[in-house]
């Protein structure tokens, strides 16, 4: 089945799945089950995303491996298929290159978030890390948030020991706001970026399609 047709069917019910962000061969698009199954295989593979023994560095990451981890990932991402509203919305986007699914990003706004604030989170397959994709993907996500959805602040969090994730955030303009202790005593570093800071790091030639229906559903968030 053509993933594009599946995506159109999803977008008819959930407008966030009609969003597409592209830059120099890299695409962020609402994930169909075709891409989710590809990503689930990566999640289930020991070391597929993070070095074994360091799973705590990805906040909320399943401690299981194999089928249990794949199922947990699928159940979580299927749960993101909900109608977006101003008080709460989630927009998952698969990271695609050459038709392959390499990771997942999520742009979201929760009930207790200040007006205009979005949450950003992302992961890439371990085999794809270290070649600059993390920074590009994050800046593409901020292009959607700031230039097309009218966000005024983006926040993210990473484990204190996750130097790679924190470095990506810093390179995209995020600055630390506070720290807290999360699950299993992991110290979480929270950071934020505003449109003015992001613009100085903005990627050229990012193309965003399909944001209009999502914006209509969440305005004003």
N, C-alpha and C. Protein backbone atom coordinates (compact mmCIF):
# COMPACT_ATOMS: atom_id res chain seq x y z
N UNK A 1 0.85 -1.19 0.00
CA UNK A 1 0.00 0.00 0.00
C UNK A 1 0.89 1.24 0.00
N UNK A 2 0.52 2.21 -0.81
CA UNK A 2 1.27 3.46 -0.92
C UNK A 2 1.15 4.24 0.38
N UNK A 3 2.27 4.53 1.08
CA UNK A 3 2.19 5.31 2.32
C UNK A 3 1.55 6.67 2.13
N UNK A 4 1.73 7.26 0.93
CA UNK A 4 1.14 8.57 0.67
C UNK A 4 -0.38 8.52 0.73
N UNK A 5 -0.97 7.45 0.18
CA UNK A 5 -2.43 7.31 0.22
C UNK A 5 -2.90 7.07 1.65
N UNK A 6 -2.17 6.27 2.40
CA UNK A 6 -2.52 6.04 3.80
C UNK A 6 -2.45 7.34 4.59
N UNK A 7 -1.45 8.15 4.29
CA UNK A 7 -1.28 9.42 4.99
C UNK A 7 -2.45 10.35 4.69
N UNK A 8 -2.91 10.35 3.45
CA UNK A 8 -4.06 11.18 3.08
C UNK A 8 -5.31 10.75 3.85
N UNK A 9 -5.48 9.44 4.00
CA UNK A 9 -6.63 8.93 4.74
C UNK A 9 -6.56 9.36 6.21
N UNK A 10 -5.38 9.28 6.80
CA UNK A 10 -5.20 9.70 8.19
C UNK A 10 -5.45 11.20 8.33
N UNK A 11 -4.94 11.98 7.37
CA UNK A 11 -5.07 13.44 7.45
C UNK A 11 -6.53 13.88 7.36
N UNK A 12 -7.36 13.09 6.70
CA UNK A 12 -8.78 13.44 6.61
C UNK A 12 -9.44 13.41 7.99
N UNK A 13 -8.90 12.59 8.89
CA UNK A 13 -9.45 12.47 10.24
C UNK A 13 -8.64 13.27 11.26
N UNK A 14 -7.33 13.29 11.06
CA UNK A 14 -6.42 13.94 12.00
C UNK A 14 -5.51 14.88 11.21
N UNK A 15 -5.79 16.18 11.19
CA UNK A 15 -5.06 17.09 10.29
C UNK A 15 -3.57 17.15 10.53
N UNK A 16 -3.09 16.78 11.72
CA UNK A 16 -1.65 16.81 11.95
C UNK A 16 -0.91 15.81 11.06
N UNK A 17 -1.62 14.78 10.57
CA UNK A 17 -0.98 13.80 9.72
C UNK A 17 -0.85 14.28 8.27
N UNK A 18 -1.40 15.43 7.97
CA UNK A 18 -1.24 16.01 6.65
C UNK A 18 -0.07 16.96 6.55
N UNK A 19 0.64 17.18 7.66
CA UNK A 19 1.79 18.09 7.67
C UNK A 19 2.99 17.41 7.04
N UNK A 20 3.72 18.16 6.22
CA UNK A 20 4.95 17.67 5.61
C UNK A 20 5.98 18.78 5.62
N UNK A 21 7.17 18.48 6.16
CA UNK A 21 8.27 19.45 6.23
C UNK A 21 9.46 18.83 5.51
N UNK A 22 10.02 19.55 4.53
CA UNK A 22 11.10 18.99 3.72
C UNK A 22 12.29 19.94 3.67
N UNK A 23 13.47 19.35 3.65
CA UNK A 23 14.70 20.15 3.51
C UNK A 23 15.82 19.25 2.98
N UNK A 24 16.28 19.55 1.77
CA UNK A 24 17.45 18.91 1.18
C UNK A 24 17.42 17.38 1.30
N UNK A 25 16.31 16.79 0.89
CA UNK A 25 16.20 15.33 0.86
C UNK A 25 15.70 14.70 2.14
N UNK A 26 15.57 15.50 3.19
CA UNK A 26 15.06 15.00 4.46
C UNK A 26 13.60 15.44 4.60
N UNK A 27 12.73 14.53 5.04
CA UNK A 27 11.30 14.83 5.13
C UNK A 27 10.77 14.44 6.50
N UNK A 28 9.92 15.29 7.06
CA UNK A 28 9.15 14.97 8.25
C UNK A 28 7.70 14.85 7.81
N UNK A 29 7.07 13.72 8.10
CA UNK A 29 5.68 13.51 7.66
C UNK A 29 4.95 12.65 8.67
N UNK A 30 3.64 12.87 8.77
CA UNK A 30 2.83 12.07 9.67
C UNK A 30 3.01 10.59 9.39
N UNK A 31 3.35 9.79 10.41
CA UNK A 31 3.68 8.38 10.16
C UNK A 31 2.45 7.50 9.95
N UNK A 32 2.48 6.71 8.90
CA UNK A 32 1.48 5.67 8.69
C UNK A 32 1.97 4.41 9.39
N UNK A 33 1.15 3.37 9.38
CA UNK A 33 1.59 2.11 9.99
C UNK A 33 2.79 1.51 9.26
N UNK A 34 2.95 1.83 7.99
CA UNK A 34 4.12 1.34 7.25
C UNK A 34 5.39 1.85 7.91
N UNK A 35 5.44 3.19 8.16
CA UNK A 35 6.63 3.75 8.80
C UNK A 35 6.73 3.35 10.27
N UNK A 36 5.59 3.27 10.95
CA UNK A 36 5.65 2.91 12.37
C UNK A 36 6.21 1.51 12.58
N UNK A 37 5.88 0.59 11.68
CA UNK A 37 6.43 -0.76 11.80
C UNK A 37 7.94 -0.75 11.53
N UNK A 38 8.40 0.08 10.61
CA UNK A 38 9.84 0.21 10.39
C UNK A 38 10.51 0.76 11.65
N UNK A 39 9.91 1.76 12.25
CA UNK A 39 10.48 2.36 13.45
C UNK A 39 10.41 1.41 14.63
N UNK A 40 9.33 0.64 14.73
CA UNK A 40 9.20 -0.33 15.83
C UNK A 40 10.32 -1.36 15.76
N UNK A 41 10.70 -1.75 14.56
CA UNK A 41 11.80 -2.72 14.41
C UNK A 41 13.11 -2.13 14.93
N UNK A 42 13.32 -0.83 14.70
CA UNK A 42 14.52 -0.17 15.21
C UNK A 42 14.47 -0.10 16.73
N UNK A 43 13.31 0.26 17.28
CA UNK A 43 13.16 0.36 18.73
C UNK A 43 13.38 -0.98 19.40
N UNK A 44 12.88 -2.04 18.79
CA UNK A 44 12.99 -3.37 19.38
C UNK A 44 14.37 -3.98 19.31
N UNK A 45 15.20 -3.49 18.40
CA UNK A 45 16.55 -4.04 18.24
C UNK A 45 17.46 -3.55 19.38
N UNK A 46 18.11 -4.43 20.10
CA UNK A 46 19.04 -3.97 21.15
C UNK A 46 20.10 -3.04 20.57
N UNK A 47 20.20 -1.83 21.13
CA UNK A 47 21.14 -0.86 20.61
C UNK A 47 20.68 -0.17 19.35
N UNK A 48 19.44 -0.38 18.96
CA UNK A 48 18.93 0.24 17.74
C UNK A 48 18.84 1.74 17.81
N UNK A 49 18.62 2.27 19.01
CA UNK A 49 18.49 3.71 19.18
C UNK A 49 19.53 4.25 20.16
N UNK A 50 19.75 3.53 21.23
CA UNK A 50 20.68 4.00 22.26
C UNK A 50 21.55 2.83 22.71
N UNK A 51 22.78 3.12 23.06
CA UNK A 51 23.70 2.08 23.49
C UNK A 51 23.14 1.32 24.69
N UNK A 52 23.16 -0.02 24.65
CA UNK A 52 22.61 -0.80 25.76
C UNK A 52 23.20 -0.34 27.10
N UNK A 53 22.32 -0.23 28.08
CA UNK A 53 22.73 0.23 29.40
C UNK A 53 22.58 1.72 29.60
N UNK A 54 22.28 2.43 28.51
CA UNK A 54 22.14 3.89 28.62
C UNK A 54 20.71 4.33 28.26
N UNK A 55 19.77 3.40 28.34
CA UNK A 55 18.39 3.71 27.96
C UNK A 55 17.81 4.86 28.79
N UNK A 56 18.27 5.00 30.04
CA UNK A 56 17.74 6.07 30.90
C UNK A 56 18.05 7.45 30.36
N UNK A 57 18.99 7.55 29.41
CA UNK A 57 19.33 8.86 28.86
C UNK A 57 18.25 9.38 27.90
N UNK A 58 17.36 8.48 27.44
CA UNK A 58 16.22 8.91 26.64
C UNK A 58 15.00 8.87 27.55
N UNK A 59 14.51 10.03 27.93
CA UNK A 59 13.44 10.12 28.92
C UNK A 59 12.21 9.37 28.44
N UNK A 60 11.69 8.48 29.32
CA UNK A 60 10.50 7.72 28.98
C UNK A 60 10.74 6.56 28.03
N UNK A 61 12.01 6.25 27.73
CA UNK A 61 12.31 5.18 26.78
C UNK A 61 12.06 3.82 27.42
N UNK A 62 11.49 2.87 26.69
CA UNK A 62 11.21 1.56 27.28
C UNK A 62 12.49 0.83 27.67
N UNK A 63 12.46 0.19 28.83
CA UNK A 63 13.61 -0.58 29.27
C UNK A 63 13.66 -1.94 28.59
N UNK A 64 12.51 -2.39 28.05
CA UNK A 64 12.46 -3.68 27.38
C UNK A 64 13.16 -3.60 26.01
N UNK A 65 13.43 -4.74 25.44
CA UNK A 65 13.90 -4.82 24.06
C UNK A 65 13.02 -5.82 23.33
N UNK A 66 13.28 -6.01 22.06
CA UNK A 66 12.54 -7.01 21.28
C UNK A 66 11.08 -6.65 21.09
N UNK A 67 10.24 -7.66 21.04
CA UNK A 67 8.82 -7.45 20.75
C UNK A 67 8.13 -6.59 21.79
N UNK A 68 8.53 -6.71 23.05
CA UNK A 68 7.88 -5.93 24.11
C UNK A 68 8.11 -4.44 23.88
N UNK A 69 9.33 -4.06 23.53
CA UNK A 69 9.63 -2.66 23.26
C UNK A 69 8.91 -2.17 22.01
N UNK A 70 8.87 -3.03 20.97
CA UNK A 70 8.19 -2.65 19.73
C UNK A 70 6.70 -2.42 19.98
N UNK A 71 6.08 -3.32 20.76
CA UNK A 71 4.66 -3.16 21.07
C UNK A 71 4.40 -1.87 21.85
N UNK A 72 5.24 -1.61 22.85
CA UNK A 72 5.05 -0.41 23.65
C UNK A 72 5.16 0.85 22.78
N UNK A 73 6.13 0.84 21.86
CA UNK A 73 6.29 1.98 20.96
C UNK A 73 5.06 2.15 20.07
N UNK A 74 4.58 1.06 19.49
CA UNK A 74 3.42 1.14 18.61
C UNK A 74 2.18 1.62 19.38
N UNK A 75 1.97 1.08 20.57
CA UNK A 75 0.79 1.47 21.34
C UNK A 75 0.84 2.94 21.71
N UNK A 76 2.03 3.44 22.04
CA UNK A 76 2.17 4.86 22.36
C UNK A 76 1.89 5.73 21.14
N UNK A 77 2.50 5.40 20.01
CA UNK A 77 2.33 6.25 18.83
C UNK A 77 0.92 6.14 18.25
N UNK A 78 0.30 4.97 18.32
CA UNK A 78 -1.10 4.88 17.90
C UNK A 78 -1.98 5.79 18.77
N UNK A 79 -1.63 5.92 20.04
CA UNK A 79 -2.39 6.78 20.94
C UNK A 79 -2.31 8.25 20.60
N UNK A 80 -1.34 8.62 19.75
CA UNK A 80 -1.22 10.02 19.33
C UNK A 80 -2.21 10.38 18.22
N UNK A 81 -2.92 9.38 17.74
CA UNK A 81 -3.94 9.64 16.71
C UNK A 81 -5.22 10.10 17.39
N UNK A 82 -5.25 11.37 17.70
CA UNK A 82 -6.42 11.97 18.33
C UNK A 82 -6.66 13.33 17.70
N UNK A 83 -7.90 13.75 17.72
CA UNK A 83 -8.25 15.03 17.11
C UNK A 83 -7.58 16.17 17.87
N UNK A 84 -6.86 17.05 17.17
CA UNK A 84 -6.19 18.16 17.85
C UNK A 84 -7.18 19.24 18.27
N UNK A 85 -6.96 19.82 19.44
CA UNK A 85 -7.77 20.94 19.93
C UNK A 85 -6.84 21.99 20.49
N UNK A 86 -7.34 23.18 20.71
CA UNK A 86 -6.49 24.25 21.25
C UNK A 86 -5.87 23.88 22.59
N UNK A 87 -6.61 23.26 23.54
CA UNK A 87 -5.99 22.94 24.82
C UNK A 87 -4.92 21.86 24.75
N UNK A 88 -5.07 20.89 23.82
CA UNK A 88 -4.06 19.84 23.72
C UNK A 88 -4.02 19.26 22.32
N UNK A 89 -2.81 19.15 21.79
CA UNK A 89 -2.62 18.50 20.50
C UNK A 89 -1.22 17.91 20.43
N UNK A 90 -1.09 16.85 19.63
CA UNK A 90 0.20 16.18 19.41
C UNK A 90 0.37 15.92 17.91
N UNK A 91 1.53 16.27 17.39
CA UNK A 91 1.81 16.06 15.97
C UNK A 91 3.07 15.21 15.83
N UNK A 92 2.92 13.88 15.70
CA UNK A 92 4.09 13.03 15.46
C UNK A 92 4.48 13.09 13.99
N UNK A 93 5.77 13.10 13.72
CA UNK A 93 6.26 13.15 12.35
C UNK A 93 7.42 12.17 12.20
N UNK A 94 7.30 11.27 11.23
CA UNK A 94 8.38 10.34 10.95
C UNK A 94 9.49 11.07 10.22
N UNK A 95 10.73 10.74 10.56
CA UNK A 95 11.90 11.29 9.86
C UNK A 95 12.21 10.35 8.71
N UNK A 96 12.10 10.84 7.48
CA UNK A 96 12.24 10.01 6.29
C UNK A 96 13.38 10.51 5.41
N UNK A 97 14.16 9.58 4.90
CA UNK A 97 15.23 9.91 3.94
C UNK A 97 15.28 8.80 2.91
N UNK A 98 15.11 9.16 1.66
CA UNK A 98 15.11 8.15 0.61
C UNK A 98 14.03 7.11 0.80
N UNK A 99 12.91 7.50 1.41
CA UNK A 99 11.82 6.57 1.64
C UNK A 99 11.98 5.71 2.88
N UNK A 100 13.12 5.80 3.58
CA UNK A 100 13.35 5.02 4.79
C UNK A 100 12.99 5.83 6.03
N UNK A 101 12.39 5.18 7.01
CA UNK A 101 12.08 5.83 8.27
C UNK A 101 13.29 5.70 9.19
N UNK A 102 13.80 6.85 9.65
CA UNK A 102 15.03 6.88 10.45
C UNK A 102 14.78 7.25 11.91
N UNK A 103 13.62 7.80 12.20
CA UNK A 103 13.36 8.26 13.56
C UNK A 103 12.00 8.92 13.64
N UNK A 104 11.75 9.55 14.77
CA UNK A 104 10.44 10.16 15.02
C UNK A 104 10.63 11.45 15.80
N UNK A 105 9.87 12.47 15.43
CA UNK A 105 9.83 13.72 16.19
C UNK A 105 8.38 13.97 16.58
N UNK A 106 8.19 14.70 17.68
CA UNK A 106 6.85 15.04 18.13
C UNK A 106 6.81 16.51 18.51
N UNK A 107 5.85 17.22 17.97
CA UNK A 107 5.56 18.60 18.35
C UNK A 107 4.22 18.56 19.08
N UNK A 108 4.15 19.15 20.27
CA UNK A 108 2.93 18.99 21.07
C UNK A 108 2.67 20.22 21.94
N UNK A 109 1.43 20.33 22.34
CA UNK A 109 0.99 21.34 23.32
C UNK A 109 0.04 20.63 24.27
N UNK A 110 0.34 20.71 25.58
CA UNK A 110 -0.45 20.02 26.59
C UNK A 110 -1.33 20.99 27.37
N UNK A 111 -2.29 20.45 28.09
CA UNK A 111 -3.27 21.26 28.81
C UNK A 111 -2.62 22.30 29.72
N UNK A 112 -1.53 21.92 30.39
CA UNK A 112 -0.93 22.81 31.37
C UNK A 112 0.18 23.68 30.81
N UNK A 113 0.36 23.67 29.49
CA UNK A 113 1.38 24.52 28.89
C UNK A 113 0.89 25.96 28.74
N UNK A 114 1.76 26.95 28.93
CA UNK A 114 1.37 28.34 28.68
C UNK A 114 0.94 28.53 27.22
N UNK A 115 0.12 29.52 26.97
CA UNK A 115 -0.35 29.80 25.61
C UNK A 115 0.85 30.00 24.68
N UNK A 116 0.77 29.37 23.51
CA UNK A 116 1.81 29.54 22.50
C UNK A 116 3.06 28.71 22.71
N UNK A 117 3.09 27.88 23.74
CA UNK A 117 4.26 27.05 24.02
C UNK A 117 4.09 25.67 23.39
N UNK A 118 5.14 25.18 22.76
CA UNK A 118 5.13 23.83 22.20
C UNK A 118 6.26 23.02 22.82
N UNK A 119 6.05 21.71 22.87
CA UNK A 119 7.07 20.80 23.34
C UNK A 119 7.68 20.09 22.13
N UNK A 120 8.99 19.96 22.12
CA UNK A 120 9.66 19.25 21.02
C UNK A 120 10.42 18.06 21.59
N UNK A 121 10.32 16.93 20.90
CA UNK A 121 11.08 15.75 21.27
C UNK A 121 11.43 14.98 20.00
N UNK A 122 12.52 14.22 20.07
CA UNK A 122 12.95 13.52 18.85
C UNK A 122 13.90 12.39 19.20
N UNK A 123 13.96 11.40 18.29
CA UNK A 123 15.00 10.38 18.36
C UNK A 123 15.31 9.90 16.95
N UNK A 124 16.55 9.44 16.77
CA UNK A 124 17.01 8.89 15.51
C UNK A 124 17.61 7.51 15.75
N UNK A 125 17.52 6.65 14.75
CA UNK A 125 18.18 5.36 14.83
C UNK A 125 19.67 5.57 15.11
N UNK A 126 20.23 4.73 15.92
CA UNK A 126 21.62 4.90 16.31
C UNK A 126 22.55 4.89 15.10
N UNK A 127 22.22 4.08 14.09
CA UNK A 127 23.05 4.00 12.89
C UNK A 127 23.07 5.31 12.10
N UNK A 128 22.09 6.19 12.36
CA UNK A 128 22.00 7.45 11.62
C UNK A 128 22.53 8.63 12.43
N UNK A 129 22.90 8.38 13.66
CA UNK A 129 23.38 9.46 14.51
C UNK A 129 24.81 9.85 14.15
N UNK A 130 25.17 11.09 14.45
CA UNK A 130 26.54 11.55 14.22
C UNK A 130 26.80 12.14 12.86
N UNK A 131 25.76 12.35 12.05
CA UNK A 131 25.98 12.97 10.74
C UNK A 131 25.17 14.26 10.55
N UNK A 132 24.80 14.88 11.68
CA UNK A 132 24.16 16.19 11.62
C UNK A 132 22.67 16.19 11.42
N UNK A 133 22.06 15.01 11.37
CA UNK A 133 20.61 14.97 11.14
C UNK A 133 19.83 15.51 12.32
N UNK A 134 20.32 15.29 13.54
CA UNK A 134 19.58 15.74 14.72
C UNK A 134 19.33 17.23 14.71
N UNK A 135 20.33 18.00 14.40
CA UNK A 135 20.19 19.45 14.34
C UNK A 135 19.24 19.86 13.23
N UNK A 136 19.40 19.27 12.04
CA UNK A 136 18.52 19.63 10.93
C UNK A 136 17.07 19.32 11.24
N UNK A 137 16.83 18.14 11.80
CA UNK A 137 15.46 17.74 12.12
C UNK A 137 14.84 18.70 13.13
N UNK A 138 15.61 19.08 14.15
CA UNK A 138 15.06 19.99 15.17
C UNK A 138 14.75 21.36 14.56
N UNK A 139 15.63 21.87 13.71
CA UNK A 139 15.38 23.17 13.10
C UNK A 139 14.19 23.10 12.13
N UNK A 140 14.01 21.98 11.47
CA UNK A 140 12.84 21.80 10.61
C UNK A 140 11.57 21.81 11.45
N UNK A 141 11.62 21.18 12.61
CA UNK A 141 10.45 21.15 13.50
C UNK A 141 10.14 22.55 14.02
N UNK A 142 11.18 23.34 14.31
CA UNK A 142 10.97 24.71 14.78
C UNK A 142 10.44 25.60 13.66
N UNK A 143 10.80 25.30 12.41
CA UNK A 143 10.23 26.03 11.27
C UNK A 143 8.72 25.87 11.26
N UNK A 144 8.26 24.64 11.46
CA UNK A 144 6.83 24.38 11.53
C UNK A 144 6.19 25.12 12.71
N UNK A 145 6.83 25.02 13.86
CA UNK A 145 6.25 25.59 15.08
C UNK A 145 6.17 27.11 15.03
N UNK A 146 7.28 27.75 14.68
CA UNK A 146 7.35 29.21 14.77
C UNK A 146 6.80 29.91 13.52
N UNK A 147 7.17 29.41 12.34
CA UNK A 147 6.81 30.12 11.11
C UNK A 147 5.41 29.78 10.61
N UNK A 148 4.86 28.62 11.02
CA UNK A 148 3.58 28.20 10.45
C UNK A 148 2.46 27.99 11.47
N UNK A 149 2.82 27.73 12.71
CA UNK A 149 1.78 27.52 13.73
C UNK A 149 1.71 28.65 14.75
N UNK A 150 2.62 29.61 14.64
CA UNK A 150 2.56 30.79 15.50
C UNK A 150 3.01 30.58 16.93
N UNK A 151 3.80 29.55 17.20
CA UNK A 151 4.31 29.33 18.56
C UNK A 151 5.22 30.48 18.97
N UNK A 152 5.26 30.76 20.25
CA UNK A 152 6.11 31.83 20.77
C UNK A 152 7.24 31.30 21.65
N UNK A 153 7.22 29.99 21.91
CA UNK A 153 8.25 29.39 22.75
C UNK A 153 8.22 27.88 22.53
N UNK A 154 9.41 27.28 22.42
CA UNK A 154 9.51 25.84 22.30
C UNK A 154 10.37 25.32 23.44
N UNK A 155 9.94 24.23 24.07
CA UNK A 155 10.67 23.68 25.21
C UNK A 155 11.01 22.22 24.92
N UNK A 156 12.05 21.76 25.59
CA UNK A 156 12.46 20.37 25.47
C UNK A 156 13.13 19.95 26.76
N UNK A 157 13.35 18.65 26.91
CA UNK A 157 14.02 18.14 28.10
C UNK A 157 14.90 16.97 27.70
N UNK A 158 16.00 16.81 28.42
CA UNK A 158 16.91 15.71 28.18
C UNK A 158 17.54 15.30 29.49
N UNK A 159 17.92 14.03 29.59
CA UNK A 159 18.62 13.57 30.78
C UNK A 159 19.96 14.29 30.87
N UNK A 160 20.38 14.56 32.10
CA UNK A 160 21.64 15.27 32.30
C UNK A 160 22.80 14.58 31.59
N UNK A 161 22.77 13.25 31.56
CA UNK A 161 23.86 12.52 30.94
C UNK A 161 23.78 12.39 29.44
N UNK A 162 22.71 12.89 28.83
CA UNK A 162 22.55 12.77 27.38
C UNK A 162 23.19 13.98 26.70
N UNK A 163 24.52 13.94 26.63
CA UNK A 163 25.27 15.09 26.11
C UNK A 163 24.93 15.37 24.65
N UNK A 164 24.70 14.33 23.86
CA UNK A 164 24.43 14.54 22.43
C UNK A 164 23.14 15.32 22.22
N UNK A 165 22.07 14.91 22.93
CA UNK A 165 20.80 15.61 22.79
C UNK A 165 20.90 17.05 23.27
N UNK A 166 21.56 17.26 24.39
CA UNK A 166 21.70 18.61 24.93
C UNK A 166 22.52 19.49 23.97
N UNK A 167 23.52 18.91 23.33
CA UNK A 167 24.33 19.67 22.39
C UNK A 167 23.51 20.09 21.17
N UNK A 168 22.65 19.19 20.67
CA UNK A 168 21.77 19.54 19.56
C UNK A 168 20.88 20.71 19.94
N UNK A 169 20.29 20.64 21.14
CA UNK A 169 19.41 21.72 21.59
C UNK A 169 20.16 23.05 21.65
N UNK A 170 21.37 23.03 22.20
CA UNK A 170 22.16 24.25 22.30
C UNK A 170 22.48 24.83 20.93
N UNK A 171 22.79 23.96 19.98
CA UNK A 171 23.12 24.43 18.62
C UNK A 171 21.90 25.02 17.91
N UNK A 172 20.72 24.63 18.37
CA UNK A 172 19.48 25.18 17.80
C UNK A 172 18.99 26.41 18.56
N UNK A 173 19.74 26.83 19.57
CA UNK A 173 19.39 28.06 20.27
C UNK A 173 18.70 27.88 21.61
N UNK A 174 18.40 26.63 22.00
CA UNK A 174 17.77 26.40 23.30
C UNK A 174 18.74 26.79 24.41
N UNK A 175 18.18 27.32 25.50
CA UNK A 175 18.97 27.63 26.67
C UNK A 175 18.32 27.00 27.89
N UNK A 176 19.15 26.50 28.80
CA UNK A 176 18.63 25.82 29.98
C UNK A 176 17.78 26.76 30.83
N UNK A 177 16.63 26.26 31.28
CA UNK A 177 15.73 27.04 32.13
C UNK A 177 15.71 26.52 33.56
N UNK A 178 15.75 25.20 33.73
CA UNK A 178 15.75 24.63 35.07
C UNK A 178 16.04 23.14 34.99
N UNK A 179 16.26 22.55 36.17
CA UNK A 179 16.49 21.12 36.25
C UNK A 179 15.52 20.51 37.26
N UNK A 180 15.24 19.23 37.08
CA UNK A 180 14.36 18.52 38.00
C UNK A 180 14.71 17.05 38.02
N UNK A 181 14.18 16.34 38.98
CA UNK A 181 14.44 14.91 39.09
C UNK A 181 13.23 14.14 38.60
N UNK A 182 13.45 13.28 37.62
CA UNK A 182 12.36 12.53 37.02
C UNK A 182 12.33 11.09 37.48
N UNK A 183 11.84 10.22 36.62
CA UNK A 183 11.70 8.80 36.93
C UNK A 183 13.06 8.18 37.24
N UNK A 184 13.09 7.31 38.24
CA UNK A 184 14.31 6.59 38.65
C UNK A 184 15.42 7.55 39.06
N UNK A 185 15.06 8.75 39.48
CA UNK A 185 16.05 9.69 39.98
C UNK A 185 16.90 10.35 38.91
N UNK A 186 16.52 10.21 37.65
CA UNK A 186 17.28 10.82 36.56
C UNK A 186 17.11 12.34 36.59
N UNK A 187 18.22 13.06 36.55
CA UNK A 187 18.17 14.52 36.51
C UNK A 187 17.81 14.96 35.10
N UNK A 188 16.73 15.74 34.98
CA UNK A 188 16.25 16.21 33.68
C UNK A 188 16.63 17.69 33.51
N UNK A 189 17.23 17.99 32.38
CA UNK A 189 17.61 19.36 32.04
C UNK A 189 16.57 19.93 31.08
N UNK A 190 15.88 20.98 31.49
CA UNK A 190 14.83 21.60 30.68
C UNK A 190 15.38 22.86 30.00
N UNK A 191 15.05 23.01 28.73
CA UNK A 191 15.56 24.14 27.95
C UNK A 191 14.45 24.73 27.09
N UNK A 192 14.66 25.96 26.63
CA UNK A 192 13.65 26.66 25.82
C UNK A 192 14.33 27.53 24.77
N UNK A 193 13.60 27.78 23.69
CA UNK A 193 14.06 28.67 22.64
C UNK A 193 12.88 29.51 22.15
N UNK A 194 13.16 30.73 21.75
CA UNK A 194 12.13 31.64 21.24
C UNK A 194 12.37 31.92 19.76
N UNK A 195 11.37 32.45 19.05
CA UNK A 195 11.53 32.68 17.62
C UNK A 195 12.71 33.57 17.26
N UNK A 196 12.96 34.62 18.06
CA UNK A 196 14.06 35.53 17.74
C UNK A 196 15.41 34.83 17.74
N UNK A 197 15.63 33.96 18.71
CA UNK A 197 16.89 33.21 18.77
C UNK A 197 16.96 32.19 17.65
N UNK A 198 15.84 31.50 17.39
CA UNK A 198 15.80 30.49 16.32
C UNK A 198 16.12 31.09 14.97
N UNK A 199 15.62 32.28 14.69
CA UNK A 199 15.80 32.87 13.35
C UNK A 199 17.28 33.03 12.99
N UNK A 200 18.13 33.22 13.97
CA UNK A 200 19.56 33.39 13.69
C UNK A 200 20.21 32.07 13.29
N UNK A 201 19.47 30.96 13.48
CA UNK A 201 19.98 29.63 13.14
C UNK A 201 19.11 28.94 12.09
N UNK A 202 18.14 29.64 11.59
CA UNK A 202 17.13 29.08 10.70
C UNK A 202 17.75 28.46 9.45
N UNK A 203 17.27 27.30 9.04
CA UNK A 203 17.71 26.67 7.80
C UNK A 203 17.07 27.37 6.61
N UNK A 204 17.80 27.45 5.52
CA UNK A 204 17.24 28.01 4.30
C UNK A 204 16.50 26.92 3.52
N UNK A 205 15.49 27.32 2.78
CA UNK A 205 14.79 26.45 1.84
C UNK A 205 14.05 25.28 2.49
N UNK A 206 13.53 25.48 3.70
CA UNK A 206 12.65 24.48 4.30
C UNK A 206 11.25 24.68 3.71
N UNK A 207 10.64 23.62 3.25
CA UNK A 207 9.30 23.69 2.64
C UNK A 207 8.30 23.00 3.57
N UNK A 208 7.28 23.74 3.96
CA UNK A 208 6.24 23.20 4.85
C UNK A 208 4.92 23.17 4.10
N UNK A 209 4.29 22.00 4.05
CA UNK A 209 2.98 21.85 3.42
C UNK A 209 2.00 21.26 4.43
N UNK A 210 0.72 21.59 4.26
CA UNK A 210 -0.33 20.96 5.04
C UNK A 210 -0.50 21.47 6.46
N UNK A 211 0.12 22.59 6.80
CA UNK A 211 0.00 23.09 8.18
C UNK A 211 -1.32 23.83 8.41
N UNK A 212 -1.95 24.31 7.35
CA UNK A 212 -3.17 25.10 7.49
C UNK A 212 -4.29 24.40 8.25
N UNK A 213 -4.69 23.18 7.86
CA UNK A 213 -5.76 22.50 8.59
C UNK A 213 -5.44 22.27 10.07
N UNK A 214 -4.18 21.98 10.38
CA UNK A 214 -3.80 21.82 11.79
C UNK A 214 -3.93 23.13 12.53
N UNK A 215 -3.47 24.20 11.91
CA UNK A 215 -3.57 25.52 12.55
C UNK A 215 -5.02 25.89 12.83
N UNK A 216 -5.90 25.60 11.88
CA UNK A 216 -7.32 25.90 12.08
C UNK A 216 -7.89 25.12 13.27
N UNK A 217 -7.44 23.89 13.43
CA UNK A 217 -7.96 23.04 14.52
C UNK A 217 -7.48 23.47 15.89
N UNK A 218 -6.31 24.09 15.97
CA UNK A 218 -5.73 24.40 17.29
C UNK A 218 -5.77 25.88 17.63
N UNK A 219 -6.19 26.73 16.72
CA UNK A 219 -6.17 28.18 16.97
C UNK A 219 -7.24 28.60 17.97
N UNK A 220 -6.88 29.48 18.95
CA UNK A 220 -5.52 29.80 19.38
C UNK A 220 -5.09 28.81 20.45
N UNK A 221 -3.88 28.35 20.39
CA UNK A 221 -3.45 27.39 21.41
C UNK A 221 -2.58 28.09 22.44
